[in-house]
Each structure stands twice: as C-alpha cells, then as structure tokens.
Amino acid sequence: MEDLPEIVATNLRKLRRDRGLSQEELAHRAGIDRSYLGNIERAEYSVTVVTLGKLAVALDVPPAKLLELPDRHPMRKRLVR
C-alpha cells in the first residue's frame, strides 16, 4: 500500500482547495505545523492516524474521506467490487 501517502496527499489538497483554505489556515485549524502539512501534501511524509483525524476534523469530513481511492486508481478494481 505504498500508494497511500500519495492518495492522502491528493485528497487532502483537493479538500483544502475546495474549501478555499491555505496550508497555513488548515494547519492552524488542525493544530499542526504548516511545513509538516506541506510535506504531507507532497507525499514526502506519511501521516499518522492521529494527524489524519485532526485534519479530518479541521476539514469537517470523516477520516475515511482522506483515504478514498480516486475513481481511476488501479487498486480500485481489486478492492472495490
């Protein structure tokens, strides 16, 4: 599941942008450092479940939303039936 950091990064960026939030504002709302958020959004760091939860609360989405596979992701065919 080495794709997970990239999946989280993609979903996180999309949700943040959809809400019109800067990285700084989202990081503030989630109580994390802005540079750490940037690293997560670039898939340079894997997010912990605690941080995933903080980000989900700050974005007002269930944590699972950050882990959703994109429609065209190759793993989708294997996992979603």
N, C-alpha and C. Protein backbone atom coordinates (compact mmCIF):
# COMPACT_ATOMS: atom_id res chain seq x y z
N MET A 1 0.82 -1.19 0.00
CA MET A 1 0.00 0.00 0.00
C MET A 1 0.87 1.26 0.00
N GLU A 2 1.96 1.20 -0.75
CA GLU A 2 2.85 2.36 -0.82
C GLU A 2 2.21 3.56 -1.50
N ASP A 3 1.05 3.36 -2.12
CA ASP A 3 0.33 4.47 -2.75
C ASP A 3 -0.41 5.34 -1.73
N LEU A 4 -0.58 4.86 -0.51
CA LEU A 4 -1.40 5.59 0.46
C LEU A 4 -0.94 7.02 0.73
N PRO A 5 0.34 7.29 0.92
CA PRO A 5 0.73 8.69 1.13
C PRO A 5 0.32 9.60 -0.04
N GLU A 6 0.43 9.09 -1.27
CA GLU A 6 0.03 9.88 -2.43
C GLU A 6 -1.49 10.06 -2.48
N ILE A 7 -2.23 9.03 -2.13
CA ILE A 7 -3.69 9.12 -2.10
C ILE A 7 -4.13 10.14 -1.06
N VAL A 8 -3.55 10.07 0.13
CA VAL A 8 -3.88 11.05 1.18
C VAL A 8 -3.51 12.45 0.72
N ALA A 9 -2.33 12.59 0.13
CA ALA A 9 -1.88 13.91 -0.33
C ALA A 9 -2.85 14.50 -1.35
N THR A 10 -3.25 13.70 -2.31
CA THR A 10 -4.17 14.17 -3.36
C THR A 10 -5.51 14.57 -2.77
N ASN A 11 -6.07 13.73 -1.92
CA ASN A 11 -7.36 14.03 -1.30
C ASN A 11 -7.28 15.25 -0.40
N LEU A 12 -6.21 15.35 0.36
CA LEU A 12 -6.02 16.47 1.27
C LEU A 12 -5.94 17.80 0.52
N ARG A 13 -5.12 17.83 -0.53
CA ARG A 13 -5.00 19.05 -1.34
C ARG A 13 -6.35 19.46 -1.93
N LYS A 14 -7.07 18.48 -2.49
CA LYS A 14 -8.36 18.77 -3.12
C LYS A 14 -9.36 19.32 -2.10
N LEU A 15 -9.46 18.66 -0.97
CA LEU A 15 -10.41 19.11 0.06
C LEU A 15 -10.05 20.49 0.58
N ARG A 16 -8.76 20.72 0.80
CA ARG A 16 -8.32 22.03 1.30
C ARG A 16 -8.63 23.12 0.29
N ARG A 17 -8.32 22.87 -0.96
CA ARG A 17 -8.58 23.87 -2.01
C ARG A 17 -10.07 24.09 -2.22
N ASP A 18 -10.84 23.01 -2.18
CA ASP A 18 -12.30 23.13 -2.33
C ASP A 18 -12.90 24.04 -1.27
N ARG A 19 -12.28 24.07 -0.11
CA ARG A 19 -12.77 24.90 1.00
C ARG A 19 -12.13 26.28 1.02
N GLY A 20 -11.25 26.54 0.07
CA GLY A 20 -10.61 27.85 -0.01
C GLY A 20 -9.64 28.12 1.12
N LEU A 21 -9.03 27.08 1.65
CA LEU A 21 -8.10 27.24 2.78
C LEU A 21 -6.66 27.22 2.29
N SER A 22 -5.84 28.05 2.89
CA SER A 22 -4.40 27.97 2.65
C SER A 22 -3.84 26.84 3.51
N GLN A 23 -2.63 26.43 3.19
CA GLN A 23 -1.97 25.43 4.04
C GLN A 23 -1.83 25.98 5.46
N GLU A 24 -1.50 27.24 5.57
CA GLU A 24 -1.32 27.86 6.89
C GLU A 24 -2.61 27.80 7.71
N GLU A 25 -3.74 28.13 7.07
CA GLU A 25 -5.02 28.13 7.78
C GLU A 25 -5.42 26.71 8.19
N LEU A 26 -5.28 25.75 7.29
CA LEU A 26 -5.63 24.38 7.63
C LEU A 26 -4.72 23.85 8.74
N ALA A 27 -3.44 24.13 8.64
CA ALA A 27 -2.51 23.68 9.68
C ALA A 27 -2.90 24.27 11.03
N HIS A 28 -3.25 25.54 11.05
CA HIS A 28 -3.68 26.20 12.29
C HIS A 28 -4.92 25.51 12.86
N ARG A 29 -5.92 25.28 12.01
CA ARG A 29 -7.15 24.62 12.46
C ARG A 29 -6.91 23.21 12.98
N ALA A 30 -5.94 22.52 12.37
CA ALA A 30 -5.65 21.14 12.77
C ALA A 30 -4.65 21.06 13.92
N GLY A 31 -4.02 22.18 14.24
CA GLY A 31 -3.04 22.19 15.32
C GLY A 31 -1.74 21.50 14.96
N ILE A 32 -1.35 21.63 13.68
CA ILE A 32 -0.08 21.05 13.23
C ILE A 32 0.74 22.14 12.56
N ASP A 33 2.02 21.87 12.37
CA ASP A 33 2.91 22.83 11.74
C ASP A 33 2.63 22.92 10.24
N ARG A 34 2.68 24.11 9.68
CA ARG A 34 2.40 24.31 8.26
C ARG A 34 3.38 23.55 7.37
N SER A 35 4.64 23.52 7.75
CA SER A 35 5.63 22.81 6.92
C SER A 35 5.36 21.30 6.93
N TYR A 36 4.89 20.78 8.06
CA TYR A 36 4.52 19.36 8.14
C TYR A 36 3.35 19.08 7.21
N LEU A 37 2.36 19.97 7.19
CA LEU A 37 1.23 19.82 6.28
C LEU A 37 1.71 19.83 4.83
N GLY A 38 2.62 20.72 4.51
CA GLY A 38 3.17 20.76 3.15
C GLY A 38 3.85 19.45 2.77
N ASN A 39 4.59 18.88 3.72
CA ASN A 39 5.24 17.60 3.46
C ASN A 39 4.22 16.48 3.24
N ILE A 40 3.12 16.52 3.98
CA ILE A 40 2.06 15.53 3.80
C ILE A 40 1.42 15.71 2.42
N GLU A 41 1.16 16.95 2.03
CA GLU A 41 0.53 17.21 0.74
C GLU A 41 1.43 16.86 -0.43
N ARG A 42 2.72 16.80 -0.23
CA ARG A 42 3.66 16.39 -1.29
C ARG A 42 3.99 14.90 -1.18
N ALA A 43 3.33 14.22 -0.25
CA ALA A 43 3.54 12.78 -0.01
C ALA A 43 4.99 12.48 0.38
N GLU A 44 5.65 13.46 0.98
CA GLU A 44 7.01 13.25 1.48
C GLU A 44 6.99 12.59 2.85
N TYR A 45 5.92 12.81 3.59
CA TYR A 45 5.73 12.18 4.90
C TYR A 45 4.43 11.40 4.88
N SER A 46 4.44 10.28 5.58
CA SER A 46 3.20 9.54 5.80
C SER A 46 2.53 10.12 7.03
N VAL A 47 1.25 10.32 6.94
CA VAL A 47 0.50 10.92 8.03
C VAL A 47 0.18 9.86 9.09
N THR A 48 0.23 10.23 10.36
CA THR A 48 -0.18 9.32 11.42
C THR A 48 -1.71 9.32 11.51
N VAL A 49 -2.27 8.31 12.14
CA VAL A 49 -3.73 8.27 12.28
C VAL A 49 -4.22 9.43 13.14
N VAL A 50 -3.44 9.84 14.11
CA VAL A 50 -3.83 10.97 14.96
C VAL A 50 -3.90 12.25 14.12
N THR A 51 -2.89 12.48 13.30
CA THR A 51 -2.89 13.67 12.45
C THR A 51 -3.97 13.57 11.38
N LEU A 52 -4.19 12.38 10.84
CA LEU A 52 -5.27 12.18 9.89
C LEU A 52 -6.60 12.60 10.51
N GLY A 53 -6.81 12.22 11.76
CA GLY A 53 -8.02 12.61 12.47
C GLY A 53 -8.12 14.11 12.67
N LYS A 54 -7.02 14.75 13.03
CA LYS A 54 -7.02 16.20 13.21
C LYS A 54 -7.36 16.93 11.91
N LEU A 55 -6.79 16.44 10.82
CA LEU A 55 -7.05 17.06 9.52
C LEU A 55 -8.51 16.85 9.11
N ALA A 56 -9.03 15.67 9.36
CA ALA A 56 -10.43 15.38 9.03
C ALA A 56 -11.37 16.30 9.80
N VAL A 57 -11.10 16.48 11.08
CA VAL A 57 -11.93 17.39 11.89
C VAL A 57 -11.83 18.82 11.35
N ALA A 58 -10.62 19.25 11.04
CA ALA A 58 -10.42 20.61 10.53
C ALA A 58 -11.10 20.82 9.18
N LEU A 59 -11.22 19.76 8.39
CA LEU A 59 -11.88 19.84 7.09
C LEU A 59 -13.35 19.47 7.15
N ASP A 60 -13.80 19.03 8.32
CA ASP A 60 -15.19 18.63 8.54
C ASP A 60 -15.61 17.49 7.61
N VAL A 61 -14.75 16.46 7.57
CA VAL A 61 -15.04 15.25 6.80
C VAL A 61 -14.68 14.04 7.65
N PRO A 62 -15.26 12.87 7.35
CA PRO A 62 -14.83 11.66 8.06
C PRO A 62 -13.39 11.34 7.66
N PRO A 63 -12.59 10.78 8.56
CA PRO A 63 -11.21 10.44 8.21
C PRO A 63 -11.10 9.56 6.97
N ALA A 64 -12.07 8.70 6.75
CA ALA A 64 -12.03 7.81 5.57
C ALA A 64 -12.02 8.59 4.26
N LYS A 65 -12.55 9.81 4.27
CA LYS A 65 -12.57 10.64 3.06
C LYS A 65 -11.16 10.93 2.57
N LEU A 66 -10.22 11.03 3.49
CA LEU A 66 -8.83 11.29 3.12
C LEU A 66 -8.14 10.06 2.55
N LEU A 67 -8.74 8.90 2.72
CA LEU A 67 -8.15 7.64 2.24
C LEU A 67 -8.85 7.08 1.01
N GLU A 68 -9.86 7.77 0.50
CA GLU A 68 -10.62 7.26 -0.65
C GLU A 68 -9.74 7.15 -1.88
N LEU A 69 -9.91 6.04 -2.58
CA LEU A 69 -9.19 5.85 -3.83
C LEU A 69 -9.84 6.68 -4.92
N PRO A 70 -9.03 7.34 -5.74
CA PRO A 70 -9.60 8.04 -6.89
C PRO A 70 -10.29 7.05 -7.82
N ASP A 71 -11.27 7.52 -8.56
CA ASP A 71 -12.05 6.64 -9.44
C ASP A 71 -11.19 5.82 -10.39
N ARG A 72 -10.14 6.39 -10.90
CA ARG A 72 -9.32 5.70 -11.91
C ARG A 72 -8.08 5.03 -11.32
N HIS A 73 -7.99 4.92 -10.03
CA HIS A 73 -6.81 4.32 -9.40
C HIS A 73 -6.78 2.82 -9.70
N PRO A 74 -5.62 2.27 -10.07
CA PRO A 74 -5.53 0.85 -10.41
C PRO A 74 -5.98 -0.10 -9.30
N MET A 75 -5.78 0.30 -8.05
CA MET A 75 -6.17 -0.57 -6.93
C MET A 75 -7.69 -0.68 -6.79
N ARG A 76 -8.40 0.29 -7.33
CA ARG A 76 -9.85 0.32 -7.19
C ARG A 76 -10.50 -0.95 -7.75
N LYS A 77 -9.99 -1.44 -8.85
CA LYS A 77 -10.54 -2.65 -9.47
C LYS A 77 -10.36 -3.87 -8.56
N ARG A 78 -9.27 -3.92 -7.84
CA ARG A 78 -9.00 -5.07 -6.96
C ARG A 78 -9.77 -4.99 -5.65
N LEU A 79 -9.99 -3.78 -5.14
CA LEU A 79 -10.56 -3.63 -3.79
C LEU A 79 -12.05 -3.33 -3.77
N VAL A 80 -12.55 -2.68 -4.80
CA VAL A 80 -13.95 -2.28 -4.82
C VAL A 80 -14.70 -3.17 -5.79
N ARG A 81 -15.68 -3.87 -5.27
CA ARG A 81 -16.46 -4.79 -6.12
C ARG A 81 -17.90 -4.45 -6.06
